[in-house]
Amino acid sequence: MTESVIINKEKINSWVDCFMSKSRNYGMVNITSFSAGKLLAYKYGLDHKDQLIKHVNNRKDTYISLNAFKDGVRRTDHLVQIRNIVVDLDFYKLAEYQNKTLLEVKSLVLDMLKQYSMDQIMPMPNLMTYGHGIQLIWTIDKGLPAVLGWAVQLITKDFISKLKMFNADPQCIDLARLVRVPQSINSRVVESVVLNNQAYSYADLRSYCEDLVNPKKNKKIKFNGYNRVQLKTTTYRIKDLETLAKNRSTNVGKRNLLLFWH
């Protein structure tokens, strides 16, 4: 008899739950505002969640980073935890939507998403924000390490290709991307609605991406090597494993070392 394993995934009850939670608290999100011609940057961790909400409410031209960074420095080399996938729909740039209201387009997008979800083409986003254009956000349960950024970018590209009819922005693959903060004011108030209150595991999202499920034999992901900090940290950890194995009168083994590195 096979026992079923129940995995409790994080719940998304409001927009802020997409950006931080108890299991997605490594690093800090970046808040960027434009005021009187100046760019102002702030950083927030889970301990300051309430202050973040208060800070951005009804604030003009305010954006939040999709993911978390070391010390809140929004650069890909400071990325420490991937928390979301976003697709920007710039439908207003297409002639066929210029005579439609935002609410009319929102309804069309929702209909398409529901159909995609039923046909298992794309999962329903966790959050939709809208003010000028429309943004769709999928939240990753417990987050992902920065080293899986290449896979998240492939998933994002896949979602973008499936939403081309709404002029999905190809620049959304940027892991340091900012998105408009719900309840802020960017030419108009940015509204949000939770479409699915359960975060997605990496395996859930991966299953929708053909390039990850059935990678082409001639298509290889380029590996640029470890940086010096990663290499040094990994080496120290391997030495710790070898010391522990020695104390237990055993050895680490080449296979385990390979699995550790990759």
Protein backbone atom coordinates (compact mmCIF):
# COMPACT_ATOMS: atom_id res chain seq x y z
CA MET A 1 0.00 0.00 0.00
CA THR A 2 1.40 3.39 -1.02
CA GLU A 3 1.11 6.21 1.46
CA SER A 4 0.10 9.57 0.02
CA VAL A 5 2.32 12.52 0.88
CA ILE A 6 0.56 15.81 1.56
CA ILE A 7 2.66 18.88 0.88
CA ASN A 8 1.39 22.04 2.51
CA LYS A 9 2.10 24.92 0.16
CA GLU A 10 2.12 28.54 1.12
CA LYS A 11 -1.15 30.45 0.99
CA ILE A 12 -1.50 33.72 -0.88
CA ASN A 13 -4.09 35.86 0.87
CA SER A 14 -2.97 39.28 -0.35
CA TRP A 15 -0.47 40.80 -2.77
CA VAL A 16 2.27 41.12 -0.14
CA ASP A 17 2.25 37.33 0.42
CA CYS A 18 3.68 36.95 -3.09
CA PHE A 19 6.80 38.85 -2.09
CA MET A 20 7.61 37.54 1.39
CA SER A 21 6.64 34.78 3.81
CA LYS A 22 8.10 32.70 6.64
CA SER A 23 9.72 30.31 4.17
CA ARG A 24 10.66 33.04 1.68
CA ASN A 25 12.59 35.32 3.98
CA TYR A 26 16.17 34.98 2.75
CA GLY A 27 17.43 38.34 1.55
CA MET A 28 15.41 41.55 1.16
CA VAL A 29 13.04 42.97 -1.43
CA ASN A 30 13.75 46.34 -2.98
CA ILE A 31 11.24 49.19 -3.09
CA THR A 32 11.99 51.93 -5.62
CA SER A 33 10.15 55.25 -5.81
CA PHE A 34 10.49 58.20 -8.15
CA SER A 35 9.85 61.51 -6.42
CA ALA A 36 10.61 65.06 -7.63
CA GLY A 37 12.96 63.70 -10.26
CA LYS A 38 14.87 61.61 -7.71
CA LEU A 39 15.13 57.85 -7.45
CA LEU A 40 14.67 56.58 -3.89
CA ALA A 41 15.45 52.98 -2.92
CA TYR A 42 14.40 51.13 0.23
CA LYS A 43 14.82 47.55 1.43
CA TYR A 44 12.46 45.38 3.45
CA GLY A 45 12.62 41.95 5.04
CA LEU A 46 9.83 39.85 6.54
CA ASP A 47 10.27 41.50 9.96
CA HIS A 48 9.19 44.81 8.42
CA LYS A 49 6.23 43.56 6.41
CA ASP A 50 3.72 45.92 8.04
CA GLN A 51 6.00 48.91 7.48
CA LEU A 52 6.34 47.96 3.81
CA ILE A 53 2.55 47.90 3.35
CA LYS A 54 2.21 51.26 5.05
CA HIS A 55 5.10 52.73 3.04
CA VAL A 56 3.70 51.89 -0.40
CA ASN A 57 0.00 52.54 0.18
CA ASN A 58 -1.17 55.31 -2.20
CA ARG A 59 2.44 56.27 -2.89
CA LYS A 60 3.15 57.57 -6.39
CA ASP A 61 5.39 55.81 -8.93
CA THR A 62 6.45 52.99 -6.62
CA TYR A 63 7.82 49.59 -7.62
CA ILE A 64 8.87 46.37 -5.85
CA SER A 65 11.41 43.76 -6.86
CA LEU A 66 10.04 40.37 -7.86
CA ASN A 67 12.79 38.60 -5.98
CA ALA A 68 15.08 39.04 -2.97
CA PHE A 69 18.63 40.32 -2.89
CA LYS A 70 21.55 40.45 -0.51
CA ASP A 71 21.14 43.66 1.52
CA GLY A 72 18.36 44.71 -0.87
CA VAL A 73 20.85 45.60 -3.62
CA ARG A 74 18.86 44.99 -6.82
CA ARG A 75 21.48 43.43 -9.05
CA THR A 76 21.55 39.92 -10.48
CA ASP A 77 24.92 39.22 -8.86
CA HIS A 78 23.27 39.99 -5.48
CA LEU A 79 20.22 37.77 -6.13
CA VAL A 80 19.74 35.30 -3.25
CA GLN A 81 16.16 34.02 -3.56
CA ILE A 82 13.80 33.74 -6.52
CA ARG A 83 10.24 34.24 -5.34
CA ASN A 84 8.09 35.05 -8.36
CA ILE A 85 7.59 34.84 -12.10
CA VAL A 86 5.93 37.77 -13.83
CA VAL A 87 4.51 38.40 -17.29
CA ASP A 88 3.69 41.99 -18.28
CA LEU A 89 0.83 42.36 -20.77
CA ASP A 90 1.29 45.60 -22.76
CA PHE A 91 -1.92 45.06 -24.70
CA TYR A 92 -2.57 48.83 -25.01
CA LYS A 93 0.20 49.01 -27.62
CA LEU A 94 -1.81 46.83 -30.01
CA ALA A 95 -4.37 48.44 -32.33
CA GLU A 96 -7.00 45.76 -31.68
CA TYR A 97 -7.22 46.71 -27.99
CA GLN A 98 -7.01 50.48 -28.20
CA ASN A 99 -10.78 50.91 -28.26
CA LYS A 100 -11.34 48.54 -25.35
CA THR A 101 -11.41 49.52 -21.69
CA LEU A 102 -9.05 48.02 -19.16
CA LEU A 103 -11.89 46.05 -17.59
CA GLU A 104 -12.87 44.61 -20.98
CA VAL A 105 -9.32 43.43 -21.64
CA LYS A 106 -9.02 42.12 -18.09
CA SER A 107 -12.10 39.96 -18.74
CA LEU A 108 -10.57 38.63 -21.99
CA VAL A 109 -7.31 37.79 -20.20
CA LEU A 110 -9.15 35.99 -17.41
CA ASP A 111 -11.13 33.93 -19.92
CA MET A 112 -7.92 32.92 -21.66
CA LEU A 113 -6.21 32.03 -18.38
CA LYS A 114 -9.15 29.88 -17.29
CA GLN A 115 -9.08 28.02 -20.60
CA TYR A 116 -5.31 27.54 -20.41
CA SER A 117 -5.65 26.24 -16.85
CA MET A 118 -8.38 23.73 -17.81
CA ASP A 119 -6.34 22.54 -20.79
CA GLN A 120 -3.19 22.31 -18.64
CA ILE A 121 -1.33 24.69 -20.94
CA MET A 122 -0.47 27.20 -18.22
CA PRO A 123 -1.25 27.41 -14.49
CA MET A 124 -3.53 30.13 -13.18
CA PRO A 125 -1.46 33.07 -11.86
CA ASN A 126 -1.55 33.75 -8.15
CA LEU A 127 -1.95 37.48 -8.61
CA MET A 128 -3.15 39.88 -11.28
CA THR A 129 -2.35 43.59 -10.99
CA TYR A 130 -3.70 46.23 -13.32
CA GLY A 131 -3.54 49.97 -13.68
CA HIS A 132 -2.32 50.83 -17.16
CA GLY A 133 -1.32 47.39 -18.42
CA ILE A 134 -1.83 44.02 -16.72
CA GLN A 135 0.72 42.01 -14.78
CA LEU A 136 0.42 38.32 -13.98
CA ILE A 137 2.43 36.89 -11.10
CA TRP A 138 3.12 33.26 -10.20
CA THR A 139 4.59 32.75 -6.71
CA ILE A 140 7.12 29.99 -6.06
CA ASP A 141 6.50 27.98 -2.91
CA LYS A 142 9.42 28.39 -0.47
CA GLY A 143 11.39 30.24 -3.17
CA LEU A 144 14.35 29.04 -5.22
CA PRO A 145 18.11 29.61 -5.01
CA ALA A 146 19.66 32.02 -7.50
CA VAL A 147 21.48 29.15 -9.24
CA LEU A 148 18.13 28.06 -10.76
CA GLY A 149 17.65 31.43 -12.42
CA TRP A 150 18.23 29.89 -15.89
CA ALA A 151 15.30 27.49 -15.34
CA VAL A 152 12.99 30.26 -14.11
CA GLN A 153 13.88 32.27 -17.22
CA LEU A 154 12.95 29.33 -19.46
CA ILE A 155 9.59 28.99 -17.70
CA THR A 156 9.01 32.74 -18.06
CA LYS A 157 9.82 32.60 -21.78
CA ASP A 158 7.34 29.76 -22.16
CA PHE A 159 4.57 31.75 -20.45
CA ILE A 160 5.38 34.84 -22.53
CA SER A 161 5.07 32.86 -25.76
CA LYS A 162 1.62 31.63 -24.71
CA LEU A 163 0.41 35.19 -24.03
CA LYS A 164 1.71 36.87 -27.18
CA MET A 165 -1.83 37.76 -28.22
CA PHE A 166 -1.83 40.31 -25.37
CA ASN A 167 1.64 41.64 -26.29
CA ALA A 168 3.48 39.96 -23.41
CA ASP A 169 6.77 41.76 -22.73
CA PRO A 170 9.85 39.59 -23.54
CA GLN A 171 11.93 41.62 -21.03
CA CYS A 172 10.12 39.88 -18.16
CA ILE A 173 12.89 37.28 -17.99
CA ASP A 174 14.99 39.81 -16.05
CA LEU A 175 15.35 38.37 -12.53
CA ALA A 176 16.07 41.84 -11.10
CA ARG A 177 12.86 43.24 -12.60
CA LEU A 178 10.63 45.67 -10.75
CA VAL A 179 6.83 45.53 -10.84
CA ARG A 180 4.25 48.12 -9.89
CA VAL A 181 3.18 47.87 -6.26
CA PRO A 182 -0.54 47.22 -5.69
CA GLN A 183 -2.28 50.17 -4.00
CA SER A 184 0.38 52.56 -5.30
CA ILE A 185 -0.38 55.22 -7.90
CA ASN A 186 1.28 54.95 -11.30
CA SER A 187 -0.76 57.25 -13.61
CA ARG A 188 -3.73 55.58 -11.92
CA VAL A 189 -4.22 53.41 -8.82
CA VAL A 190 -2.79 49.92 -9.27
CA GLU A 191 -5.43 47.37 -8.28
CA SER A 192 -4.81 43.69 -7.59
CA VAL A 193 -6.79 40.48 -7.32
CA VAL A 194 -5.70 37.09 -6.02
CA LEU A 195 -6.58 34.47 -8.65
CA ASN A 196 -5.13 31.43 -6.92
CA ASN A 197 -4.32 31.36 -3.19
CA GLN A 198 -1.80 28.52 -3.27
CA ALA A 199 1.82 29.05 -4.27
CA TYR A 200 3.36 26.76 -6.91
CA SER A 201 6.26 24.41 -6.36
CA TYR A 202 9.13 24.52 -8.82
CA ALA A 203 8.03 21.08 -10.06
CA ASP A 204 4.51 22.43 -10.74
CA LEU A 205 5.81 25.31 -12.86
CA ARG A 206 8.49 23.23 -14.56
CA SER A 207 5.89 20.75 -15.81
CA TYR A 208 4.37 23.41 -18.09
CA CYS A 209 7.66 24.27 -19.80
CA GLU A 210 8.45 22.07 -22.80
CA ASP A 211 12.13 23.08 -22.83
CA LEU A 212 12.50 21.66 -19.30
CA VAL A 213 10.23 18.63 -19.64
CA ASN A 214 11.67 17.55 -23.00
CA PRO A 215 14.90 19.47 -23.54
CA LYS A 216 16.23 19.40 -27.09
CA LYS A 217 19.36 17.29 -27.46
CA ASN A 218 21.20 20.05 -29.27
CA LYS A 219 20.12 22.73 -26.81
CA LYS A 220 22.40 23.03 -23.79
CA ILE A 221 22.22 25.52 -20.98
CA LYS A 222 25.51 27.36 -20.80
CA PHE A 223 27.19 27.02 -17.40
CA ASN A 224 29.50 29.92 -16.65
CA GLY A 225 31.14 28.31 -13.62
CA TYR A 226 31.05 29.14 -9.96
CA ASN A 227 32.14 32.52 -8.77
CA ARG A 228 34.96 32.74 -6.23
CA VAL A 229 32.67 33.03 -3.21
CA GLN A 230 30.58 29.99 -4.27
CA LEU A 231 33.72 27.95 -4.93
CA LYS A 232 35.27 28.83 -1.58
CA THR A 233 32.05 28.11 0.35
CA THR A 234 31.47 24.80 -1.43
CA THR A 235 35.06 23.69 -0.78
CA TYR A 236 34.70 24.39 2.94
CA ARG A 237 31.43 22.44 3.09
CA ILE A 238 33.02 19.45 1.37
CA LYS A 239 35.85 19.50 3.92
CA ASP A 240 33.24 19.50 6.69
CA LEU A 241 31.53 16.47 5.11
CA GLU A 242 34.84 14.63 4.80
CA THR A 243 35.69 15.35 8.46
CA LEU A 244 32.25 14.12 9.56
CA ALA A 245 32.63 10.95 7.46
CA LYS A 246 36.08 10.29 8.94
CA ASN A 247 34.74 10.60 12.48
CA ARG A 248 32.07 8.04 11.60
CA SER A 249 34.61 5.66 10.05
CA THR A 250 33.18 5.99 6.55
CA ASN A 251 33.88 8.03 3.43
CA VAL A 252 31.99 10.58 1.35
CA GLY A 253 32.39 8.81 -1.99
CA LYS A 254 32.86 10.25 -5.47
CA ARG A 255 29.18 9.94 -6.39
CA ASN A 256 28.13 11.95 -3.33
CA LEU A 257 30.70 14.61 -4.14
CA LEU A 258 29.35 14.93 -7.67
CA LEU A 259 25.77 15.21 -6.39
CA PHE A 260 26.90 17.85 -3.89
CA TRP A 261 28.53 19.99 -6.57
CA HIS A 262 25.62 19.80 -8.99
